[in-house]
C-alpha atoms as a PDB file:
ATOM      1  CA  MET A   1      -6.302 -33.984  -2.437  1.00  0.00           C
ATOM      2  CA  ALA A   2      -4.278 -33.586   0.808  1.00  0.00           C
ATOM      3  CA  SER A   3      -1.642 -30.584   1.111  1.00  0.00           C
ATOM      4  CA  HIS A   4       1.954 -31.608   1.246  1.00  0.00           C
ATOM      5  CA  LYS A   5       2.319 -28.689   3.819  1.00  0.00           C
ATOM      6  CA  VAL A   6       2.453 -29.575   7.501  1.00  0.00           C
ATOM      7  CA  ALA A   7      -0.156 -27.586   9.148  1.00  0.00           C
ATOM      8  CA  ARG A   8       1.320 -24.826  10.964  1.00  0.00           C
ATOM      9  CA  PRO A   9       0.452 -23.903  14.820  1.00  0.00           C
ATOM     10  CA  ILE A  10      -1.730 -20.772  14.942  1.00  0.00           C
ATOM     11  CA  GLY A  11       1.312 -18.723  16.438  1.00  0.00           C
ATOM     12  CA  ALA A  12       3.239 -19.242  13.395  1.00  0.00           C
ATOM     13  CA  ARG A  13       0.356 -18.279  11.204  1.00  0.00           C
ATOM     14  CA  MET A  14      -0.201 -15.053  13.321  1.00  0.00           C
ATOM     15  CA  LEU A  15       3.584 -14.389  12.732  1.00  0.00           C
ATOM     16  CA  SER A  16       3.104 -14.695   9.013  1.00  0.00           C
ATOM     17  CA  SER A  17       0.232 -12.315   9.066  1.00  0.00           C
ATOM     18  CA  GLY A  18       2.336  -9.720  11.082  1.00  0.00           C
ATOM     19  CA  GLU A  19       5.126 -10.087   8.520  1.00  0.00           C
ATOM     20  CA  GLY A  20       2.749  -9.358   5.576  1.00  0.00           C
ATOM     21  CA  LEU A  21       1.523  -6.391   7.536  1.00  0.00           C
ATOM     22  CA  ARG A  22       5.167  -5.243   8.032  1.00  0.00           C
ATOM     23  CA  GLN A  23       5.805  -5.909   4.089  1.00  0.00           C
ATOM     24  CA  GLY A  24       2.681  -3.859   3.180  1.00  0.00           C
ATOM     25  CA  TRP A  25       3.981  -0.838   5.170  1.00  0.00           C
ATOM     26  CA  LEU A  26       7.540  -1.071   3.919  1.00  0.00           C
ATOM     27  CA  ARG A  27       6.262  -1.643   0.164  1.00  0.00           C
ATOM     28  CA  GLU A  28       3.210   0.440  -0.333  1.00  0.00           C
ATOM     29  CA  ARG A  29       2.853   3.978   0.213  1.00  0.00           C
ATOM     30  CA  ALA A  30      -1.308   3.502  -0.172  1.00  0.00           C
ATOM     31  CA  ILE A  31      -1.137   1.270   3.173  1.00  0.00           C
ATOM     32  CA  ARG A  32       0.850   3.728   5.031  1.00  0.00           C
ATOM     33  CA  CYS A  33      -1.244   6.674   3.884  1.00  0.00           C
ATOM     34  CA  HIS A  34      -4.402   4.587   4.738  1.00  0.00           C
ATOM     35  CA  LEU A  35      -3.058   3.644   8.201  1.00  0.00           C
ATOM     36  CA  LEU A  36      -2.195   7.305   9.217  1.00  0.00           C
ATOM     37  CA  LEU A  37      -5.341   8.693   7.801  1.00  0.00           C
ATOM     38  CA  SER A  38      -7.418   6.083   9.471  1.00  0.00           C
ATOM     39  CA  LEU A  39      -5.552   7.143  12.864  1.00  0.00           C
ATOM     40  CA  ALA A  40      -6.486  10.904  11.992  1.00  0.00           C
ATOM     41  CA  GLY A  41     -10.016  10.240  11.322  1.00  0.00           C
ATOM     42  CA  ILE A  42     -10.621   8.131  14.426  1.00  0.00           C
ATOM     43  CA  VAL A  43      -8.906  10.800  16.546  1.00  0.00           C
ATOM     44  CA  MET A  44     -10.768  13.473  14.665  1.00  0.00           C
ATOM     45  CA  LEU A  45     -14.124  11.742  15.378  1.00  0.00           C
ATOM     46  CA  ALA A  46     -13.397  11.270  19.066  1.00  0.00           C
ATOM     47  CA  ILE A  47     -12.803  15.100  19.420  1.00  0.00           C
ATOM     48  CA  VAL A  48     -15.787  16.271  17.912  1.00  0.00           C
ATOM     49  CA  GLY A  49     -17.610  13.705  20.095  1.00  0.00           C
ATOM     50  CA  ALA A  50     -19.136  11.565  17.419  1.00  0.00           C
ATOM     51  CA  PRO A  51     -21.464   8.693  18.410  1.00  0.00           C
ATOM     52  CA  SER A  52     -19.774   5.560  19.287  1.00  0.00           C
ATOM     53  CA  ILE A  53     -21.904   3.596  16.435  1.00  0.00           C
ATOM     54  CA  GLY A  54     -20.557   6.104  14.309  1.00  0.00           C
ATOM     55  CA  ILE A  55     -16.887   5.657  15.154  1.00  0.00           C
ATOM     56  CA  VAL A  56     -17.502   1.683  15.155  1.00  0.00           C
ATOM     57  CA  ILE A  57     -19.106   1.771  11.561  1.00  0.00           C
ATOM     58  CA  PHE A  58     -16.116   4.023  10.511  1.00  0.00           C
ATOM     59  CA  ALA A  59     -13.589   1.662  11.809  1.00  0.00           C
ATOM     60  CA  VAL A  60     -15.310  -1.363  10.272  1.00  0.00           C
ATOM     61  CA  PHE A  61     -14.606   0.360   6.965  1.00  0.00           C
ATOM     62  CA  LEU A  62     -11.092   1.195   7.863  1.00  0.00           C
ATOM     63  CA  VAL A  63     -10.024  -2.474   8.534  1.00  0.00           C
ATOM     64  CA  ALA A  64     -12.031  -3.766   5.464  1.00  0.00           C
ATOM     65  CA  GLY A  65     -10.327  -1.067   3.465  1.00  0.00           C
ATOM     66  CA  LEU A  66      -6.971  -2.002   4.940  1.00  0.00           C
ATOM     67  CA  ALA A  67      -7.452  -5.596   4.142  1.00  0.00           C
ATOM     68  CA  THR A  68      -8.638  -4.684   0.466  1.00  0.00           C
ATOM     69  CA  GLU A  69      -5.271  -2.600   0.174  1.00  0.00           C
ATOM     70  CA  LEU A  70      -3.267  -5.535   1.201  1.00  0.00           C
ATOM     71  CA  ILE A  71      -4.619  -7.696  -1.010  1.00  0.00           C
ATOM     72  CA  ASN A  72      -4.632  -5.404  -3.843  1.00  0.00           C
ATOM     73  CA  ALA A  73      -0.728  -5.081  -3.103  1.00  0.00           C
ATOM     74  CA  ALA A  74      -0.287  -8.858  -2.914  1.00  0.00           C
ATOM     75  CA  ILE A  75      -2.068  -9.312  -6.219  1.00  0.00           C
ATOM     76  CA  GLU A  76      -0.116  -6.487  -7.991  1.00  0.00           C
ATOM     77  CA  ALA A  77       3.328  -7.822  -6.470  1.00  0.00           C
ATOM     78  CA  LEU A  78       2.426 -11.113  -7.840  1.00  0.00           C
ATOM     79  CA  LEU A  79       1.455 -10.020 -11.260  1.00  0.00           C
ATOM     80  CA  ASP A  80       4.633  -7.844 -11.388  1.00  0.00           C
ATOM     81  CA  VAL A  81       6.766 -11.249 -10.931  1.00  0.00           C
ATOM     82  CA  LEU A  82       4.781 -13.406 -13.301  1.00  0.00           C
ATOM     83  CA  HIS A  83       4.613 -10.754 -16.020  1.00  0.00           C
ATOM     84  CA  PRO A  84       7.281  -8.051 -15.634  1.00  0.00           C
ATOM     85  CA  GLY A  85       6.437  -6.545 -18.737  1.00  0.00           C
ATOM     86  CA  PHE A  86       3.614  -4.339 -20.241  1.00  0.00           C
ATOM     87  CA  HIS A  87       0.156  -6.503 -20.759  1.00  0.00           C
ATOM     88  CA  ALA A  88      -3.301  -4.860 -21.291  1.00  0.00           C
ATOM     89  CA  ASP A  89      -4.912  -7.573 -19.384  1.00  0.00           C
ATOM     90  CA  ILE A  90      -2.393  -7.554 -16.528  1.00  0.00           C
ATOM     91  CA  GLY A  91      -2.915  -3.652 -16.502  1.00  0.00           C
ATOM     92  CA  ALA A  92      -6.808  -4.153 -16.342  1.00  0.00           C
ATOM     93  CA  ALA A  93      -6.522  -6.667 -13.440  1.00  0.00           C
ATOM     94  CA  LYS A  94      -4.226  -4.055 -11.577  1.00  0.00           C
ATOM     95  CA  ASP A  95      -6.742  -1.422 -12.209  1.00  0.00           C
ATOM     96  CA  MET A  96      -9.656  -3.522 -11.024  1.00  0.00           C
ATOM     97  CA  CYS A  97      -7.990  -4.434  -7.692  1.00  0.00           C
ATOM     98  CA  SER A  98      -7.244  -0.704  -7.305  1.00  0.00           C
ATOM     99  CA  ALA A  99     -10.926   0.254  -7.969  1.00  0.00           C
ATOM    100  CA  GLY A 100     -11.894  -2.545  -5.397  1.00  0.00           C
ATOM    101  CA  ALA A 101      -9.872  -0.590  -2.699  1.00  0.00           C
ATOM    102  CA  PHE A 102     -10.891   2.572  -3.845  1.00  0.00           C
ATOM    103  CA  VAL A 103     -14.571   1.634  -3.277  1.00  0.00           C
ATOM    104  CA  PHE A 104     -14.063   0.429   0.276  1.00  0.00           C
ATOM    105  CA  ASN A 105     -12.061   3.850   0.934  1.00  0.00           C
ATOM    106  CA  ALA A 106     -14.777   5.668  -0.371  1.00  0.00           C
ATOM    107  CA  ALA A 107     -17.232   4.112   1.742  1.00  0.00           C
ATOM    108  CA  ALA A 108     -15.038   4.949   4.740  1.00  0.00           C
ATOM    109  CA  VAL A 109     -15.281   8.378   3.943  1.00  0.00           C
ATOM    110  CA  VAL A 110     -18.892   8.441   3.479  1.00  0.00           C
ATOM    111  CA  SER A 111     -18.999   6.793   7.085  1.00  0.00           C
ATOM    112  CA  PHE A 112     -16.620   9.524   8.254  1.00  0.00           C
ATOM    113  CA  ALA A 113     -18.868  12.194   6.900  1.00  0.00           C
ATOM    114  CA  GLY A 114     -21.930  10.668   8.394  1.00  0.00           C
ATOM    115  CA  ALA A 115     -20.379  10.097  11.974  1.00  0.00           C
ATOM    116  CA  ILE A 116     -18.977  13.716  11.976  1.00  0.00           C
ATOM    117  CA  THR A 117     -22.242  15.437  11.134  1.00  0.00           C
ATOM    118  CA  ALA A 118     -24.149  13.256  13.805  1.00  0.00           C
ATOM    119  CA  GLY A 119     -21.676  14.269  16.494  1.00  0.00           C
END
């Protein structure tokens, strides 16, 4: 089935992505904390002289964790609009999304620990 939307140029799509990042920053404390702690972690690894591969692995986990946080925030915002009242299944869905973000962020902490001890 053909889409009713006209294909947008890549520049317009990039602007939409930038707006998504901006909305995430404005709306979600977890995203702000993630970005600030990520920056602090990269700086710390650089200061202690961690191996480049350790910094790269940590950075990959950080980017994946940020993507997961953004997806989590988007799903939660959508669920809040679709069903503003309490529902056990909605709560479970939100908890599972949050758990996904937690797992990626926990992996980032493990990669940070590995990089800092290798330095």
